[in-house]
């Protein structure tokens, strides 16, 4: 990701004042694979693990099942799936289930890759579905703390797979602990 700034002048007809504004252009590049079969072998296995987790999701209210699998730097694969609750805010997304489990069980071990896949019980999801904002923020915390990017692979039920080479690409202008100092 890079930032490109262009200056523009805005003038007020009544005040004849000029205000310099900066335009911030945020650009990212995502890689798109035609299918799971075109991914590297290790990522195919990670996505297969995410599909298995997805199929065990507890989603009785939304019928929208999400699975994620994380590959840690030590080679361990951690799974997560969405866990809904009748008190809606009490549920948790698949990505956060996996990342929090990884952080609690393997503290200090870097996350290399995360694979995410979704399935609806009401319709076929063919569009690659990225993590929600809360999950992006949770993943960003780990990426910033480990000081190395996390590759994020996401897909629908079938079809194309998108790769982001960093959580920061999916969450430009992230909020992290540096703002709290």
N, C-alpha and C. Protein backbone atom coordinates (compact mmCIF):
# COMPACT_ATOMS: atom_id res chain seq x y z
N UNK A 1 0.85 -1.16 0.00
CA UNK A 1 0.00 0.00 0.00
C UNK A 1 0.90 1.23 0.00
N UNK A 2 0.48 2.26 -0.71
CA UNK A 2 1.22 3.50 -0.70
C UNK A 2 0.24 4.64 -0.67
N UNK A 3 0.71 5.80 -0.26
CA UNK A 3 -0.11 6.99 -0.20
C UNK A 3 0.39 7.98 -1.23
N UNK A 4 -0.51 8.54 -2.01
CA UNK A 4 -0.18 9.54 -3.00
C UNK A 4 -0.96 10.79 -2.64
N UNK A 5 -0.27 11.88 -2.47
CA UNK A 5 -0.94 13.12 -2.09
C UNK A 5 -0.91 14.11 -3.23
N UNK A 6 -2.04 14.68 -3.52
CA UNK A 6 -2.16 15.76 -4.49
C UNK A 6 -2.75 16.95 -3.76
N UNK A 7 -2.26 18.13 -4.04
CA UNK A 7 -2.80 19.33 -3.42
C UNK A 7 -3.83 19.96 -4.34
N UNK A 8 -4.88 20.48 -3.73
CA UNK A 8 -5.87 21.23 -4.50
C UNK A 8 -6.17 22.52 -3.75
N UNK A 9 -6.49 23.55 -4.46
CA UNK A 9 -6.85 24.82 -3.85
C UNK A 9 -8.36 24.99 -3.90
N UNK A 10 -8.92 25.40 -2.78
CA UNK A 10 -10.34 25.68 -2.70
C UNK A 10 -10.46 27.12 -2.26
N UNK A 11 -11.24 27.90 -2.95
CA UNK A 11 -11.37 29.31 -2.56
C UNK A 11 -12.82 29.62 -2.21
N UNK A 12 -12.97 30.49 -1.28
CA UNK A 12 -14.28 30.97 -0.89
C UNK A 12 -14.52 32.27 -1.64
N UNK A 13 -15.60 32.35 -2.38
CA UNK A 13 -15.88 33.56 -3.16
C UNK A 13 -16.07 34.77 -2.26
N UNK A 14 -16.68 34.58 -1.09
CA UNK A 14 -16.95 35.70 -0.21
C UNK A 14 -15.72 36.16 0.55
N UNK A 15 -14.89 35.23 0.99
CA UNK A 15 -13.76 35.57 1.85
C UNK A 15 -12.46 35.73 1.08
N UNK A 16 -12.42 35.31 -0.14
CA UNK A 16 -11.22 35.38 -0.97
C UNK A 16 -10.02 34.73 -0.29
N UNK A 17 -10.30 33.68 0.50
CA UNK A 17 -9.24 32.95 1.17
C UNK A 17 -8.99 31.66 0.41
N UNK A 18 -7.76 31.23 0.47
CA UNK A 18 -7.41 29.96 -0.15
C UNK A 18 -7.05 28.97 0.95
N UNK A 19 -7.64 27.81 0.86
CA UNK A 19 -7.38 26.75 1.82
C UNK A 19 -6.72 25.61 1.06
N UNK A 20 -5.59 25.19 1.54
CA UNK A 20 -4.89 24.08 0.91
C UNK A 20 -5.38 22.78 1.52
N UNK A 21 -5.95 21.92 0.71
CA UNK A 21 -6.39 20.61 1.14
C UNK A 21 -5.48 19.58 0.50
N UNK A 22 -5.29 18.48 1.19
CA UNK A 22 -4.50 17.39 0.63
C UNK A 22 -5.43 16.24 0.32
N UNK A 23 -5.20 15.68 -0.81
CA UNK A 23 -5.98 14.52 -1.23
C UNK A 23 -5.12 13.29 -0.96
N UNK A 24 -5.68 12.33 -0.26
CA UNK A 24 -4.97 11.11 0.08
C UNK A 24 -5.52 9.97 -0.78
N UNK A 25 -4.69 9.42 -1.62
CA UNK A 25 -5.09 8.33 -2.50
C UNK A 25 -4.49 7.05 -1.96
N UNK A 26 -5.34 6.10 -1.56
CA UNK A 26 -4.87 4.84 -1.01
C UNK A 26 -5.05 3.77 -2.07
N UNK A 27 -3.97 3.06 -2.36
CA UNK A 27 -4.01 2.05 -3.41
C UNK A 27 -3.50 0.72 -2.86
N UNK A 28 -4.22 -0.35 -3.19
CA UNK A 28 -3.78 -1.69 -2.79
C UNK A 28 -3.83 -2.60 -4.00
N UNK A 29 -3.10 -3.67 -3.92
CA UNK A 29 -3.14 -4.69 -4.96
C UNK A 29 -3.48 -6.01 -4.31
N UNK A 30 -4.49 -6.67 -4.83
CA UNK A 30 -4.90 -7.98 -4.34
C UNK A 30 -4.68 -8.98 -5.47
N UNK A 31 -4.28 -10.18 -5.11
CA UNK A 31 -4.09 -11.24 -6.10
C UNK A 31 -5.36 -12.07 -6.16
N UNK A 32 -5.79 -12.42 -7.38
CA UNK A 32 -7.00 -13.22 -7.55
C UNK A 32 -6.62 -14.52 -8.25
N UNK A 33 -6.95 -15.62 -7.60
CA UNK A 33 -6.73 -16.96 -8.15
C UNK A 33 -8.06 -17.46 -8.69
N UNK A 34 -8.02 -18.18 -9.80
CA UNK A 34 -9.25 -18.67 -10.43
C UNK A 34 -10.01 -19.66 -9.55
N UNK A 35 -9.28 -20.44 -8.78
CA UNK A 35 -9.92 -21.46 -7.94
C UNK A 35 -8.93 -21.92 -6.88
N UNK A 36 -9.40 -22.71 -5.95
CA UNK A 36 -8.53 -23.28 -4.91
C UNK A 36 -7.42 -24.10 -5.55
N UNK A 37 -7.72 -24.78 -6.65
CA UNK A 37 -6.74 -25.65 -7.30
C UNK A 37 -5.54 -24.89 -7.86
N UNK A 38 -5.66 -23.58 -8.05
CA UNK A 38 -4.55 -22.78 -8.58
C UNK A 38 -3.68 -22.18 -7.47
N UNK A 39 -4.05 -22.43 -6.22
CA UNK A 39 -3.26 -21.95 -5.08
C UNK A 39 -2.05 -22.86 -4.85
N UNK A 40 -1.02 -22.37 -4.18
CA UNK A 40 0.08 -23.26 -3.77
C UNK A 40 -0.47 -24.40 -2.92
N UNK A 41 0.19 -25.54 -2.96
CA UNK A 41 -0.31 -26.73 -2.26
C UNK A 41 -0.59 -26.49 -0.78
N UNK A 42 0.31 -25.81 -0.09
CA UNK A 42 0.11 -25.59 1.35
C UNK A 42 -1.11 -24.72 1.61
N UNK A 43 -1.40 -23.78 0.72
CA UNK A 43 -2.57 -22.92 0.89
C UNK A 43 -3.84 -23.67 0.50
N UNK A 44 -3.76 -24.57 -0.46
CA UNK A 44 -4.91 -25.43 -0.77
C UNK A 44 -5.31 -26.23 0.47
N UNK A 45 -4.31 -26.78 1.16
CA UNK A 45 -4.58 -27.55 2.38
C UNK A 45 -5.17 -26.66 3.47
N UNK A 46 -4.66 -25.44 3.57
CA UNK A 46 -5.18 -24.51 4.57
C UNK A 46 -6.63 -24.15 4.26
N UNK A 47 -6.95 -23.93 2.98
CA UNK A 47 -8.33 -23.61 2.60
C UNK A 47 -9.24 -24.81 2.82
N UNK A 48 -8.74 -26.01 2.57
CA UNK A 48 -9.53 -27.22 2.84
C UNK A 48 -9.84 -27.32 4.33
N UNK A 49 -8.88 -26.98 5.16
CA UNK A 49 -9.08 -26.97 6.61
C UNK A 49 -10.15 -25.93 6.99
N UNK A 50 -10.12 -24.78 6.33
CA UNK A 50 -11.12 -23.74 6.58
C UNK A 50 -12.51 -24.21 6.18
N UNK A 51 -12.60 -24.95 5.07
CA UNK A 51 -13.90 -25.50 4.64
C UNK A 51 -14.43 -26.49 5.67
N UNK A 52 -13.55 -27.32 6.22
CA UNK A 52 -13.97 -28.27 7.26
C UNK A 52 -14.48 -27.52 8.49
N UNK A 53 -13.78 -26.46 8.88
CA UNK A 53 -14.21 -25.66 10.02
C UNK A 53 -15.55 -24.99 9.71
N UNK A 54 -15.69 -24.48 8.50
CA UNK A 54 -16.94 -23.82 8.08
C UNK A 54 -18.13 -24.76 8.22
N UNK A 55 -17.94 -25.99 7.84
CA UNK A 55 -19.05 -26.95 7.87
C UNK A 55 -19.47 -27.32 9.29
N UNK A 56 -18.66 -26.94 10.28
CA UNK A 56 -19.01 -27.18 11.69
C UNK A 56 -19.46 -25.90 12.40
N UNK A 57 -19.61 -24.82 11.65
CA UNK A 57 -20.01 -23.54 12.25
C UNK A 57 -21.37 -23.65 12.93
N UNK A 58 -21.56 -22.85 13.95
CA UNK A 58 -22.85 -22.78 14.64
C UNK A 58 -23.52 -21.48 14.21
N UNK A 59 -24.40 -21.57 13.21
CA UNK A 59 -25.03 -20.39 12.63
C UNK A 59 -26.54 -20.58 12.46
N UNK A 60 -27.26 -20.87 13.57
CA UNK A 60 -28.69 -21.15 13.44
C UNK A 60 -29.53 -19.92 13.13
N UNK A 61 -29.00 -18.72 13.31
CA UNK A 61 -29.79 -17.50 13.11
C UNK A 61 -29.56 -16.89 11.74
N UNK A 62 -28.32 -16.81 11.30
CA UNK A 62 -28.02 -16.21 10.00
C UNK A 62 -27.97 -17.24 8.87
N UNK A 63 -27.74 -18.48 9.22
CA UNK A 63 -27.51 -19.55 8.23
C UNK A 63 -26.34 -19.22 7.32
N UNK A 64 -25.45 -18.38 7.80
CA UNK A 64 -24.25 -17.97 7.05
C UNK A 64 -23.05 -18.54 7.79
N UNK A 65 -22.48 -19.58 7.23
CA UNK A 65 -21.42 -20.33 7.90
C UNK A 65 -20.05 -19.86 7.40
N UNK A 66 -19.17 -19.61 8.34
CA UNK A 66 -17.83 -19.12 8.02
C UNK A 66 -16.81 -20.01 8.70
N UNK A 67 -15.77 -20.35 7.97
CA UNK A 67 -14.66 -21.12 8.53
C UNK A 67 -13.35 -20.44 8.23
N UNK A 68 -12.43 -20.57 9.15
CA UNK A 68 -11.10 -20.01 8.94
C UNK A 68 -10.06 -20.98 9.49
N UNK A 69 -8.90 -20.95 8.86
CA UNK A 69 -7.76 -21.73 9.34
C UNK A 69 -6.53 -20.84 9.28
N UNK A 70 -5.75 -20.92 10.32
CA UNK A 70 -4.54 -20.10 10.44
C UNK A 70 -3.34 -21.02 10.43
N UNK A 71 -2.34 -20.65 9.63
CA UNK A 71 -1.05 -21.35 9.65
C UNK A 71 -0.08 -20.52 10.47
N UNK A 72 0.42 -21.13 11.53
CA UNK A 72 1.40 -20.45 12.39
C UNK A 72 2.82 -20.72 11.89
N UNK A 73 3.74 -19.89 12.33
CA UNK A 73 5.14 -20.03 11.91
C UNK A 73 5.76 -21.35 12.35
N UNK A 74 5.20 -21.98 13.39
CA UNK A 74 5.72 -23.28 13.85
C UNK A 74 5.09 -24.45 13.10
N UNK A 75 4.26 -24.16 12.08
CA UNK A 75 3.64 -25.20 11.27
C UNK A 75 2.28 -25.67 11.76
N UNK A 76 1.87 -25.24 12.93
CA UNK A 76 0.57 -25.64 13.49
C UNK A 76 -0.55 -24.95 12.72
N UNK A 77 -1.63 -25.67 12.49
CA UNK A 77 -2.84 -25.13 11.85
C UNK A 77 -3.91 -25.01 12.93
N UNK A 78 -4.49 -23.83 13.04
CA UNK A 78 -5.55 -23.56 14.01
C UNK A 78 -6.82 -23.23 13.25
N UNK A 79 -7.93 -23.85 13.63
CA UNK A 79 -9.21 -23.60 12.97
C UNK A 79 -10.13 -22.74 13.84
N UNK A 80 -11.05 -22.08 13.16
CA UNK A 80 -12.11 -21.34 13.83
C UNK A 80 -13.34 -21.31 12.95
N UNK A 81 -14.51 -21.16 13.56
CA UNK A 81 -15.74 -20.99 12.80
C UNK A 81 -16.66 -20.06 13.58
N UNK A 82 -17.63 -19.48 12.87
CA UNK A 82 -18.49 -18.54 13.56
C UNK A 82 -19.38 -19.27 14.57
N UNK A 83 -19.59 -18.61 15.69
CA UNK A 83 -20.36 -19.14 16.79
C UNK A 83 -21.42 -18.10 17.14
N UNK A 84 -22.64 -18.32 16.67
CA UNK A 84 -23.71 -17.36 16.91
C UNK A 84 -24.37 -17.58 18.26
N UNK A 85 -25.14 -16.58 18.67
CA UNK A 85 -25.82 -16.62 19.95
C UNK A 85 -27.14 -15.88 19.80
N UNK A 86 -28.17 -16.31 20.50
CA UNK A 86 -29.47 -15.64 20.43
C UNK A 86 -29.35 -14.17 20.83
N UNK A 87 -28.43 -13.86 21.72
CA UNK A 87 -28.11 -12.47 22.05
C UNK A 87 -27.01 -12.07 21.06
N UNK A 88 -27.42 -11.54 19.92
CA UNK A 88 -26.54 -11.37 18.76
C UNK A 88 -25.13 -10.82 19.05
N UNK A 89 -24.97 -9.81 19.86
CA UNK A 89 -23.59 -9.33 20.05
C UNK A 89 -22.68 -10.34 20.76
N UNK A 90 -23.26 -11.37 21.32
CA UNK A 90 -22.46 -12.33 22.07
C UNK A 90 -21.80 -13.38 21.19
N UNK A 91 -22.16 -13.45 19.92
CA UNK A 91 -21.53 -14.40 19.00
C UNK A 91 -20.14 -13.93 18.62
N UNK A 92 -19.44 -14.78 17.89
CA UNK A 92 -18.08 -14.43 17.48
C UNK A 92 -17.81 -14.98 16.09
N UNK A 93 -17.10 -14.20 15.29
CA UNK A 93 -16.76 -14.59 13.92
C UNK A 93 -15.65 -15.64 13.90
N UNK A 94 -15.60 -16.37 12.80
CA UNK A 94 -14.63 -17.46 12.64
C UNK A 94 -13.18 -16.99 12.75
N UNK A 95 -12.88 -15.85 12.14
CA UNK A 95 -11.50 -15.36 12.14
C UNK A 95 -11.03 -15.02 13.56
N UNK A 96 -11.91 -14.40 14.33
CA UNK A 96 -11.53 -14.05 15.71
C UNK A 96 -11.47 -15.28 16.60
N UNK A 97 -12.35 -16.26 16.37
CA UNK A 97 -12.25 -17.52 17.13
C UNK A 97 -10.86 -18.12 16.91
N UNK A 98 -10.43 -18.18 15.65
CA UNK A 98 -9.13 -18.79 15.32
C UNK A 98 -7.97 -17.96 15.85
N UNK A 99 -7.99 -16.67 15.63
CA UNK A 99 -6.83 -15.84 16.02
C UNK A 99 -6.71 -15.76 17.54
N UNK A 100 -7.83 -15.69 18.25
CA UNK A 100 -7.76 -15.63 19.71
C UNK A 100 -7.31 -16.97 20.29
N UNK A 101 -7.75 -18.07 19.68
CA UNK A 101 -7.28 -19.38 20.11
C UNK A 101 -5.77 -19.51 19.87
N UNK A 102 -5.33 -19.07 18.71
CA UNK A 102 -3.89 -19.13 18.40
C UNK A 102 -3.09 -18.30 19.39
N UNK A 103 -3.58 -17.10 19.69
CA UNK A 103 -2.88 -16.22 20.62
C UNK A 103 -2.85 -16.78 22.03
N UNK A 104 -3.93 -17.44 22.45
CA UNK A 104 -4.01 -18.00 23.79
C UNK A 104 -3.20 -19.28 23.93
N UNK A 105 -3.15 -20.08 22.87
CA UNK A 105 -2.50 -21.38 22.93
C UNK A 105 -1.04 -21.34 22.51
N UNK A 106 -0.71 -20.45 21.59
CA UNK A 106 0.65 -20.34 21.06
C UNK A 106 1.14 -18.89 21.13
N UNK A 107 1.21 -18.33 22.33
CA UNK A 107 1.60 -16.92 22.45
C UNK A 107 3.00 -16.69 21.87
N UNK A 108 3.13 -15.60 21.14
CA UNK A 108 4.42 -15.25 20.57
C UNK A 108 4.76 -15.94 19.26
N UNK A 109 3.94 -16.89 18.82
CA UNK A 109 4.20 -17.57 17.55
C UNK A 109 3.49 -16.78 16.44
N UNK A 110 4.25 -16.39 15.44
CA UNK A 110 3.71 -15.55 14.36
C UNK A 110 2.68 -16.29 13.52
N UNK A 111 1.73 -15.53 13.00
CA UNK A 111 0.75 -16.03 12.06
C UNK A 111 1.28 -15.77 10.66
N UNK A 112 1.36 -16.81 9.84
CA UNK A 112 1.83 -16.65 8.46
C UNK A 112 0.68 -16.40 7.50
N UNK A 113 -0.33 -17.25 7.56
CA UNK A 113 -1.44 -17.20 6.61
C UNK A 113 -2.75 -17.47 7.33
N UNK A 114 -3.82 -16.89 6.79
CA UNK A 114 -5.17 -17.23 7.23
C UNK A 114 -6.00 -17.46 5.97
N UNK A 115 -6.79 -18.52 5.99
CA UNK A 115 -7.71 -18.84 4.89
C UNK A 115 -9.13 -18.76 5.43
N UNK A 116 -10.02 -18.15 4.64
CA UNK A 116 -11.40 -17.91 5.07
C UNK A 116 -12.34 -18.33 3.93
N UNK A 117 -13.39 -19.05 4.29
CA UNK A 117 -14.40 -19.43 3.31
C UNK A 117 -15.78 -19.36 3.95
N UNK A 118 -16.78 -19.08 3.13
CA UNK A 118 -18.15 -18.92 3.64
C UNK A 118 -19.11 -19.80 2.85
N UNK A 119 -20.28 -20.03 3.46
CA UNK A 119 -21.36 -20.75 2.78
C UNK A 119 -22.67 -20.33 3.41
N UNK A 120 -23.64 -20.03 2.59
CA UNK A 120 -24.98 -19.72 3.06
C UNK A 120 -25.87 -20.95 2.86
N UNK A 121 -26.76 -21.18 3.81
CA UNK A 121 -27.72 -22.27 3.66
C UNK A 121 -28.90 -21.87 2.78
N UNK A 122 -28.95 -20.57 2.37
CA UNK A 122 -30.06 -20.07 1.57
C UNK A 122 -29.73 -19.82 0.11
N UNK A 123 -28.46 -19.60 -0.20
CA UNK A 123 -28.05 -19.33 -1.58
C UNK A 123 -26.57 -19.65 -1.73
N UNK A 124 -26.12 -19.83 -2.95
CA UNK A 124 -24.72 -20.13 -3.21
C UNK A 124 -23.92 -18.82 -3.21
N UNK A 125 -22.85 -18.78 -2.44
CA UNK A 125 -21.99 -17.59 -2.36
C UNK A 125 -20.80 -17.81 -3.28
N UNK A 126 -20.78 -17.09 -4.38
CA UNK A 126 -19.71 -17.23 -5.37
C UNK A 126 -18.69 -16.10 -5.29
N UNK A 127 -19.02 -15.04 -4.60
CA UNK A 127 -18.14 -13.88 -4.50
C UNK A 127 -17.18 -14.06 -3.33
N UNK A 128 -15.87 -13.87 -3.54
CA UNK A 128 -14.93 -13.94 -2.42
C UNK A 128 -15.36 -12.98 -1.31
N UNK A 129 -15.46 -13.52 -0.10
CA UNK A 129 -16.01 -12.75 1.02
C UNK A 129 -14.89 -12.45 2.03
N UNK A 130 -14.51 -11.18 2.14
CA UNK A 130 -13.42 -10.81 3.05
C UNK A 130 -13.88 -10.79 4.51
N UNK A 131 -12.93 -10.71 5.43
CA UNK A 131 -13.30 -10.60 6.85
C UNK A 131 -14.06 -9.30 7.12
N UNK A 132 -14.92 -9.33 8.11
CA UNK A 132 -15.64 -8.12 8.51
C UNK A 132 -14.67 -7.14 9.16
N UNK A 133 -15.12 -5.96 9.43
CA UNK A 133 -14.26 -4.92 10.01
C UNK A 133 -13.69 -5.29 11.37
N UNK A 134 -14.51 -5.89 12.22
CA UNK A 134 -14.01 -6.29 13.55
C UNK A 134 -12.91 -7.33 13.43
N UNK A 135 -13.08 -8.27 12.51
CA UNK A 135 -12.05 -9.30 12.32
C UNK A 135 -10.78 -8.70 11.72
N UNK A 136 -10.94 -7.75 10.81
CA UNK A 136 -9.76 -7.07 10.25
C UNK A 136 -8.97 -6.38 11.36
N UNK A 137 -9.70 -5.72 12.27
CA UNK A 137 -9.03 -5.03 13.37
C UNK A 137 -8.31 -6.02 14.29
N UNK A 138 -8.96 -7.14 14.60
CA UNK A 138 -8.33 -8.15 15.46
C UNK A 138 -7.09 -8.73 14.79
N UNK A 139 -7.18 -9.03 13.49
CA UNK A 139 -6.02 -9.55 12.76
C UNK A 139 -4.91 -8.51 12.68
N UNK A 140 -5.28 -7.24 12.53
CA UNK A 140 -4.29 -6.17 12.45
C UNK A 140 -3.48 -6.08 13.75
N UNK A 141 -4.13 -6.31 14.88
CA UNK A 141 -3.43 -6.28 16.17
C UNK A 141 -2.29 -7.30 16.18
N UNK A 142 -2.57 -8.50 15.69
CA UNK A 142 -1.55 -9.54 15.65
C UNK A 142 -0.47 -9.22 14.64
N UNK A 143 -0.86 -8.71 13.48
CA UNK A 143 0.12 -8.37 12.45
C UNK A 143 1.08 -7.28 12.94
N UNK A 144 0.54 -6.25 13.58
CA UNK A 144 1.39 -5.18 14.11
C UNK A 144 2.31 -5.71 15.21
N UNK A 145 1.77 -6.52 16.11
CA UNK A 145 2.57 -7.05 17.22
C UNK A 145 3.69 -7.96 16.74
N UNK A 146 3.44 -8.75 15.71
CA UNK A 146 4.49 -9.66 15.23
C UNK A 146 5.43 -8.99 14.24
N UNK A 147 5.10 -7.78 13.82
CA UNK A 147 5.94 -6.98 12.93
C UNK A 147 6.28 -7.70 11.63
N UNK A 148 5.31 -8.45 11.12
CA UNK A 148 5.44 -9.06 9.80
C UNK A 148 4.04 -9.29 9.26
N UNK A 149 3.88 -9.19 7.95
CA UNK A 149 2.54 -9.29 7.37
C UNK A 149 1.93 -10.69 7.48
N UNK A 150 0.62 -10.71 7.49
CA UNK A 150 -0.15 -11.95 7.45
C UNK A 150 -0.83 -12.00 6.09
N UNK A 151 -0.63 -13.08 5.35
CA UNK A 151 -1.34 -13.28 4.09
C UNK A 151 -2.77 -13.69 4.40
N UNK A 152 -3.73 -13.01 3.78
CA UNK A 152 -5.14 -13.30 4.00
C UNK A 152 -5.73 -13.82 2.69
N UNK A 153 -6.20 -15.07 2.70
CA UNK A 153 -6.84 -15.69 1.54
C UNK A 153 -8.33 -15.81 1.86
N UNK A 154 -9.20 -15.35 0.94
CA UNK A 154 -10.62 -15.48 1.20
C UNK A 154 -11.38 -15.82 -0.08
N UNK A 155 -12.47 -16.56 0.13
CA UNK A 155 -13.30 -17.00 -0.99
C UNK A 155 -14.74 -17.13 -0.53
N UNK A 156 -15.64 -17.35 -1.49
CA UNK A 156 -17.02 -17.70 -1.16
C UNK A 156 -17.08 -19.19 -0.90
N UNK A 157 -18.15 -19.80 -1.35
CA UNK A 157 -18.29 -21.25 -1.19
C UNK A 157 -17.41 -21.98 -2.20
N UNK A 158 -17.37 -21.46 -3.41
CA UNK A 158 -16.53 -22.00 -4.48
C UNK A 158 -16.02 -20.82 -5.30
N UNK A 159 -15.22 -21.13 -6.30
CA UNK A 159 -14.79 -20.08 -7.23
C UNK A 159 -13.49 -19.42 -6.86
N UNK A 160 -13.39 -18.15 -7.21
CA UNK A 160 -12.15 -17.41 -7.06
C UNK A 160 -11.72 -17.26 -5.60
N UNK A 161 -10.41 -17.15 -5.44
CA UNK A 161 -9.81 -16.91 -4.13
C UNK A 161 -8.99 -15.63 -4.25
N UNK A 162 -9.17 -14.73 -3.30
CA UNK A 162 -8.42 -13.48 -3.27
C UNK A 162 -7.36 -13.57 -2.19
N UNK A 163 -6.16 -13.03 -2.50
CA UNK A 163 -5.09 -12.96 -1.51
C UNK A 163 -4.70 -11.51 -1.29
N UNK A 164 -4.68 -11.15 -0.03
CA UNK A 164 -4.11 -9.88 0.40
C UNK A 164 -2.79 -10.21 1.08
N UNK A 165 -1.73 -9.53 0.72
CA UNK A 165 -0.41 -9.81 1.29
C UNK A 165 -0.21 -9.23 2.68
N UNK A 166 -1.21 -8.52 3.18
CA UNK A 166 -1.13 -7.93 4.51
C UNK A 166 -2.53 -7.54 4.96
N UNK A 167 -2.78 -7.66 6.25
CA UNK A 167 -4.05 -7.18 6.81
C UNK A 167 -4.17 -5.68 6.59
N UNK A 168 -3.04 -4.98 6.61
CA UNK A 168 -3.06 -3.52 6.42
C UNK A 168 -3.65 -3.13 5.07
N UNK A 169 -3.55 -4.01 4.07
CA UNK A 169 -4.17 -3.73 2.78
C UNK A 169 -5.69 -3.77 2.87
N UNK A 170 -6.22 -4.60 3.74
CA UNK A 170 -7.67 -4.72 3.91
C UNK A 170 -8.22 -3.70 4.90
N UNK A 171 -7.35 -3.08 5.66
CA UNK A 171 -7.76 -2.10 6.67
C UNK A 171 -6.81 -0.90 6.63
N UNK A 172 -6.91 -0.11 5.56
CA UNK A 172 -6.02 1.05 5.46
C UNK A 172 -6.23 1.99 6.64
N UNK A 173 -5.18 2.68 7.00
CA UNK A 173 -5.22 3.64 8.12
C UNK A 173 -5.62 2.96 9.42
N UNK A 174 -4.99 1.80 9.69
CA UNK A 174 -5.37 1.01 10.86
C UNK A 174 -5.17 1.78 12.15
N UNK A 175 -5.97 1.41 13.13
CA UNK A 175 -5.81 1.90 14.49
C UNK A 175 -5.01 0.85 15.23
N UNK A 176 -3.88 1.26 15.81
CA UNK A 176 -3.09 0.31 16.59
C UNK A 176 -2.60 0.96 17.87
N UNK A 177 -1.81 0.22 18.62
CA UNK A 177 -1.39 0.68 19.95
C UNK A 177 -0.55 1.96 19.91
N UNK A 178 0.02 2.30 18.78
CA UNK A 178 0.84 3.52 18.70
C UNK A 178 0.00 4.78 19.00
N UNK A 179 -1.31 4.73 18.77
CA UNK A 179 -2.17 5.86 19.05
C UNK A 179 -2.43 6.02 20.55
N UNK A 180 -2.17 5.00 21.31
CA UNK A 180 -2.47 5.02 22.74
C UNK A 180 -1.30 5.48 23.60
N UNK A 181 -0.18 5.76 22.95
CA UNK A 181 1.03 6.14 23.69
C UNK A 181 1.14 7.63 23.85
